[in-house]
Amino acid sequence: MTVYRVTVGGKEYQVEVEDVNAQPVRTLVNGRVVQVWVQEEQTPAHTPPPAEAQSAAAPSVPIVASPTAAAAQPGVTSEREVRAPMPGTIVSVAVQAGDQVAVGQDLCILDAMKMNNRIRAPRSGTVAKTHVSPGQRVQYGDLLVTLANGSD
């Protein structure tokens, strides 16, 4: 796991990243699990990168969202609601209401463009409700699983 110090809006975060090439990228931000979608921005060839990005001491990361911004966007897993990160078809559902889950545990498998995407728990807790079933089509941002309130 790689650890970064990231400043967003003047606030510093310690971000631990499992695999920067995974989508979504599973991170631990100041002890809180946050999944973010990373998109590399293309800069024109004639535009030099910002001076702070040239530091040899700091690893290069395309974009890292703040925990608040990540949780509010559809397709990004929040602490309570797990939403579809892309349109597709539910292949399988691994949990049901009342099940205990651990961080990173598979909740369901979403087939999109002939690729199976594992949708995982953003935190440990209890499944409050599953909103999908195998064979169901979902759109980007559709609610898949709700976790119970509290730290469980």
C-alpha atoms as a PDB file:
ATOM      1  CA  MET A   1       0.000   0.000   0.000  1.00  0.00           C
ATOM      2  CA  THR A   2       1.340   3.436  -0.956  1.00  0.00           C
ATOM      3  CA  VAL A   3       0.856   6.392   1.389  1.00  0.00           C
ATOM      4  CA  TYR A   4       0.438   9.960   0.082  1.00  0.00           C
ATOM      5  CA  ARG A   5      -0.029  13.312   1.783  1.00  0.00           C
ATOM      6  CA  VAL A   6      -2.637  15.229  -0.211  1.00  0.00           C
ATOM      7  CA  THR A   7      -3.844  18.779   0.355  1.00  0.00           C
ATOM      8  CA  VAL A   8      -7.382  19.553  -0.816  1.00  0.00           C
ATOM      9  CA  GLY A   9      -8.936  22.946  -0.176  1.00  0.00           C
ATOM     10  CA  GLY A  10      -6.190  23.794   2.321  1.00  0.00           C
ATOM     11  CA  LYS A  11      -6.758  20.645   4.406  1.00  0.00           C
ATOM     12  CA  GLU A  12      -4.141  17.907   4.507  1.00  0.00           C
ATOM     13  CA  TYR A  13      -5.143  14.238   4.234  1.00  0.00           C
ATOM     14  CA  GLN A  14      -3.116  11.076   4.652  1.00  0.00           C
ATOM     15  CA  VAL A  15      -4.215   8.824   1.773  1.00  0.00           C
ATOM     16  CA  GLU A  16      -3.300   5.144   1.606  1.00  0.00           C
ATOM     17  CA  VAL A  17      -3.824   3.669  -1.858  1.00  0.00           C
ATOM     18  CA  GLU A  18      -4.007  -0.085  -2.513  1.00  0.00           C
ATOM     19  CA  ASP A  19      -3.732  -0.026  -6.329  1.00  0.00           C
ATOM     20  CA  VAL A  20      -3.775   3.259  -8.228  1.00  0.00           C
ATOM     21  CA  ASN A  21      -4.526   1.364 -11.465  1.00  0.00           C
ATOM     22  CA  ALA A  22      -7.735  -0.241 -10.120  1.00  0.00           C
ATOM     23  CA  GLN A  23     -11.127   1.319 -10.848  1.00  0.00           C
ATOM     24  CA  PRO A  24     -12.456   2.427  -8.484  1.00  0.00           C
ATOM     25  CA  VAL A  25      -9.306   3.114  -6.495  1.00  0.00           C
ATOM     26  CA  ARG A  26      -9.818   1.928  -2.913  1.00  0.00           C
ATOM     27  CA  THR A  27      -8.202   4.353  -0.494  1.00  0.00           C
ATOM     28  CA  LEU A  28      -7.990   4.934   3.213  1.00  0.00           C
ATOM     29  CA  VAL A  29      -8.244   8.703   3.866  1.00  0.00           C
ATOM     30  CA  ASN A  30      -7.373   9.672   7.454  1.00  0.00           C
ATOM     31  CA  GLY A  31      -8.593   6.227   8.564  1.00  0.00           C
ATOM     32  CA  ARG A  32     -11.837   6.300   6.519  1.00  0.00           C
ATOM     33  CA  VAL A  33     -12.404   4.029   3.496  1.00  0.00           C
ATOM     34  CA  VAL A  34     -13.183   6.002   0.337  1.00  0.00           C
ATOM     35  CA  GLN A  35     -13.459   4.620  -3.205  1.00  0.00           C
ATOM     36  CA  VAL A  36     -12.737   7.087  -5.998  1.00  0.00           C
ATOM     37  CA  TRP A  37     -12.665   6.978  -9.772  1.00  0.00           C
ATOM     38  CA  VAL A  38      -9.404   8.347 -11.136  1.00  0.00           C
ATOM     39  CA  GLN A  39      -9.269   9.997 -14.537  1.00  0.00           C
ATOM     40  CA  GLU A  40      -6.005  11.207 -15.943  1.00  0.00           C
ATOM     41  CA  GLU A  41      -6.230  14.719 -17.326  1.00  0.00           C
ATOM     42  CA  GLN A  42      -4.347  15.363 -20.521  1.00  0.00           C
ATOM     43  CA  THR A  43      -2.277  18.539 -20.498  1.00  0.00           C
ATOM     44  CA  PRO A  44      -1.242  20.162 -23.768  1.00  0.00           C
ATOM     45  CA  ALA A  45       2.356  19.367 -24.776  1.00  0.00           C
ATOM     46  CA  HIS A  46       3.390  23.032 -24.559  1.00  0.00           C
ATOM     47  CA  THR A  47       2.077  23.473 -20.989  1.00  0.00           C
ATOM     48  CA  PRO A  48       4.609  22.495 -18.317  1.00  0.00           C
ATOM     49  CA  PRO A  49       3.191  20.649 -15.279  1.00  0.00           C
ATOM     50  CA  PRO A  50       2.716  22.691 -12.078  1.00  0.00           C
ATOM     51  CA  ALA A  51       5.880  23.180 -10.023  1.00  0.00           C
ATOM     52  CA  GLU A  52       4.549  21.161  -7.066  1.00  0.00           C
ATOM     53  CA  ALA A  53       3.918  18.183  -9.362  1.00  0.00           C
ATOM     54  CA  GLN A  54       7.601  18.168 -10.373  1.00  0.00           C
ATOM     55  CA  SER A  55       8.833  17.309  -6.890  1.00  0.00           C
ATOM     56  CA  ALA A  56      10.895  14.104  -6.961  1.00  0.00           C
ATOM     57  CA  ALA A  57       9.873  13.322  -3.376  1.00  0.00           C
ATOM     58  CA  ALA A  58       6.150  13.196  -4.139  1.00  0.00           C
ATOM     59  CA  PRO A  59       4.757  10.275  -6.170  1.00  0.00           C
ATOM     60  CA  SER A  60       2.625  11.211  -9.166  1.00  0.00           C
ATOM     61  CA  VAL A  61      -1.130  10.666  -8.797  1.00  0.00           C
ATOM     62  CA  PRO A  62      -3.495  11.859 -11.544  1.00  0.00           C
ATOM     63  CA  ILE A  63      -6.474  13.055  -9.425  1.00  0.00           C
ATOM     64  CA  VAL A  64      -7.476  12.296  -5.849  1.00  0.00           C
ATOM     65  CA  ALA A  65     -10.877  13.488  -4.661  1.00  0.00           C
ATOM     66  CA  SER A  66     -11.591  14.613  -1.139  1.00  0.00           C
ATOM     67  CA  PRO A  67     -13.600  12.178   1.001  1.00  0.00           C
ATOM     68  CA  THR A  68     -16.598  14.521   1.055  1.00  0.00           C
ATOM     69  CA  ALA A  69     -16.648  15.045  -2.699  1.00  0.00           C
ATOM     70  CA  ALA A  70     -16.158  11.332  -3.410  1.00  0.00           C
ATOM     71  CA  ALA A  71     -19.025  10.234  -1.200  1.00  0.00           C
ATOM     72  CA  ALA A  72     -21.455  12.681  -2.812  1.00  0.00           C
ATOM     73  CA  GLN A  73     -20.924  11.625  -6.431  1.00  0.00           C
ATOM     74  CA  PRO A  74     -22.966   8.856  -8.066  1.00  0.00           C
ATOM     75  CA  GLY A  75     -20.820   5.868  -8.907  1.00  0.00           C
ATOM     76  CA  VAL A  76     -18.655   6.397  -5.859  1.00  0.00           C
ATOM     77  CA  THR A  77     -19.286   4.317  -2.815  1.00  0.00           C
ATOM     78  CA  SER A  78     -20.340   6.285   0.262  1.00  0.00           C
ATOM     79  CA  GLU A  79     -20.203   5.005   3.810  1.00  0.00           C
ATOM     80  CA  ARG A  80     -23.900   3.971   3.794  1.00  0.00           C
ATOM     81  CA  GLU A  81     -25.064   3.624   0.196  1.00  0.00           C
ATOM     82  CA  VAL A  82     -23.288   1.546  -2.422  1.00  0.00           C
ATOM     83  CA  ARG A  83     -24.154   2.733  -5.937  1.00  0.00           C
ATOM     84  CA  ALA A  84     -23.442   1.427  -9.428  1.00  0.00           C
ATOM     85  CA  PRO A  85     -20.194   2.910 -10.756  1.00  0.00           C
ATOM     86  CA  MET A  86     -21.352   2.254 -14.345  1.00  0.00           C
ATOM     87  CA  PRO A  87     -24.347   0.877 -16.231  1.00  0.00           C
ATOM     88  CA  GLY A  88     -24.521  -2.892 -16.553  1.00  0.00           C
ATOM     89  CA  THR A  89     -26.213  -6.100 -15.454  1.00  0.00           C
ATOM     90  CA  ILE A  90     -26.038  -7.627 -11.985  1.00  0.00           C
ATOM     91  CA  VAL A  91     -24.456 -11.093 -12.329  1.00  0.00           C
ATOM     92  CA  SER A  92     -24.691 -12.135  -8.685  1.00  0.00           C
ATOM     93  CA  VAL A  93     -25.487 -10.773  -5.242  1.00  0.00           C
ATOM     94  CA  ALA A  94     -23.314 -12.117  -2.423  1.00  0.00           C
ATOM     95  CA  VAL A  95     -25.172 -10.590   0.546  1.00  0.00           C
ATOM     96  CA  GLN A  96     -28.662 -10.107   1.902  1.00  0.00           C
ATOM     97  CA  ALA A  97     -30.255  -7.960   4.605  1.00  0.00           C
ATOM     98  CA  GLY A  98     -28.847  -8.772   8.024  1.00  0.00           C
ATOM     99  CA  ASP A  99     -25.502 -10.105   6.777  1.00  0.00           C
ATOM    100  CA  GLN A 100     -22.344  -8.845   8.458  1.00  0.00           C
ATOM    101  CA  VAL A 101     -19.732  -7.579   5.995  1.00  0.00           C
ATOM    102  CA  ALA A 102     -16.089  -6.578   6.293  1.00  0.00           C
ATOM    103  CA  VAL A 103     -14.327  -3.746   4.464  1.00  0.00           C
ATOM    104  CA  GLY A 104     -13.590  -4.863   0.912  1.00  0.00           C
ATOM    105  CA  GLN A 105     -15.933  -7.864   0.989  1.00  0.00           C
ATOM    106  CA  ASP A 106     -17.797  -8.549  -2.260  1.00  0.00           C
ATOM    107  CA  LEU A 107     -21.396  -7.336  -2.210  1.00  0.00           C
ATOM    108  CA  CYS A 108     -22.301  -8.104  -5.825  1.00  0.00           C
ATOM    109  CA  ILE A 109     -20.823  -8.553  -9.288  1.00  0.00           C
ATOM    110  CA  LEU A 110     -21.743  -6.071 -12.026  1.00  0.00           C
ATOM    111  CA  ASP A 111     -21.184  -7.050 -15.669  1.00  0.00           C
ATOM    112  CA  ALA A 112     -20.349  -4.049 -17.845  1.00  0.00           C
ATOM    113  CA  MET A 113     -19.018  -4.415 -21.388  1.00  0.00           C
ATOM    114  CA  LYS A 114     -18.390  -8.140 -20.853  1.00  0.00           C
ATOM    115  CA  MET A 115     -16.250  -7.510 -17.761  1.00  0.00           C
ATOM    116  CA  ASN A 116     -17.224  -8.597 -14.266  1.00  0.00           C
ATOM    117  CA  ASN A 117     -16.708  -5.790 -11.752  1.00  0.00           C
ATOM    118  CA  ARG A 118     -16.648  -6.634  -8.060  1.00  0.00           C
ATOM    119  CA  ILE A 119     -18.638  -4.163  -6.001  1.00  0.00           C
ATOM    120  CA  ARG A 120     -17.172  -4.188  -2.491  1.00  0.00           C
ATOM    121  CA  ALA A 121     -18.158  -2.995   0.971  1.00  0.00           C
ATOM    122  CA  PRO A 122     -16.731   0.456   1.808  1.00  0.00           C
ATOM    123  CA  ARG A 123     -16.806  -0.327   5.544  1.00  0.00           C
ATOM    124  CA  SER A 124     -17.561  -3.101   7.990  1.00  0.00           C
ATOM    125  CA  GLY A 125     -21.131  -3.369   9.159  1.00  0.00           C
ATOM    126  CA  THR A 126     -24.536  -4.884   8.562  1.00  0.00           C
ATOM    127  CA  VAL A 127     -26.384  -4.988   5.256  1.00  0.00           C
ATOM    128  CA  ALA A 128     -29.651  -3.093   5.733  1.00  0.00           C
ATOM    129  CA  LYS A 129     -31.058  -3.868   2.271  1.00  0.00           C
ATOM    130  CA  THR A 130     -30.068  -5.167  -1.136  1.00  0.00           C
ATOM    131  CA  HIS A 131     -31.773  -3.248  -3.932  1.00  0.00           C
ATOM    132  CA  VAL A 132     -30.802  -5.505  -6.852  1.00  0.00           C
ATOM    133  CA  SER A 133     -31.059  -9.111  -7.962  1.00  0.00           C
ATOM    134  CA  PRO A 134     -29.183 -11.239 -10.519  1.00  0.00           C
ATOM    135  CA  GLY A 135     -30.092 -10.370 -14.107  1.00  0.00           C
ATOM    136  CA  GLN A 136     -31.255  -6.854 -13.225  1.00  0.00           C
ATOM    137  CA  ARG A 137     -30.022  -3.964 -15.413  1.00  0.00           C
ATOM    138  CA  VAL A 138     -28.715  -0.944 -13.521  1.00  0.00           C
ATOM    139  CA  GLN A 139     -27.696   2.530 -14.572  1.00  0.00           C
ATOM    140  CA  TYR A 140     -24.804   4.664 -13.360  1.00  0.00           C
ATOM    141  CA  GLY A 141     -25.543   5.804  -9.796  1.00  0.00           C
ATOM    142  CA  ASP A 142     -28.361   3.304  -9.108  1.00  0.00           C
ATOM    143  CA  LEU A 143     -28.545   2.147  -5.490  1.00  0.00           C
ATOM    144  CA  LEU A 144     -27.240  -1.426  -5.110  1.00  0.00           C
ATOM    145  CA  VAL A 145     -26.866  -2.022  -1.358  1.00  0.00           C
ATOM    146  CA  THR A 146     -27.590   0.001   1.763  1.00  0.00           C
ATOM    147  CA  LEU A 147     -25.562  -0.563   4.924  1.00  0.00           C
ATOM    148  CA  ALA A 148     -27.086   0.055   8.369  1.00  0.00           C
ATOM    149  CA  ASN A 149     -26.427   3.357  10.166  1.00  0.00           C
ATOM    150  CA  GLY A 150     -23.842   3.487  12.902  1.00  0.00           C
ATOM    151  CA  SER A 151     -20.508   1.792  13.243  1.00  0.00           C
ATOM    152  CA  ASP A 152     -22.122  -1.662  13.583  1.00  0.00           C
END
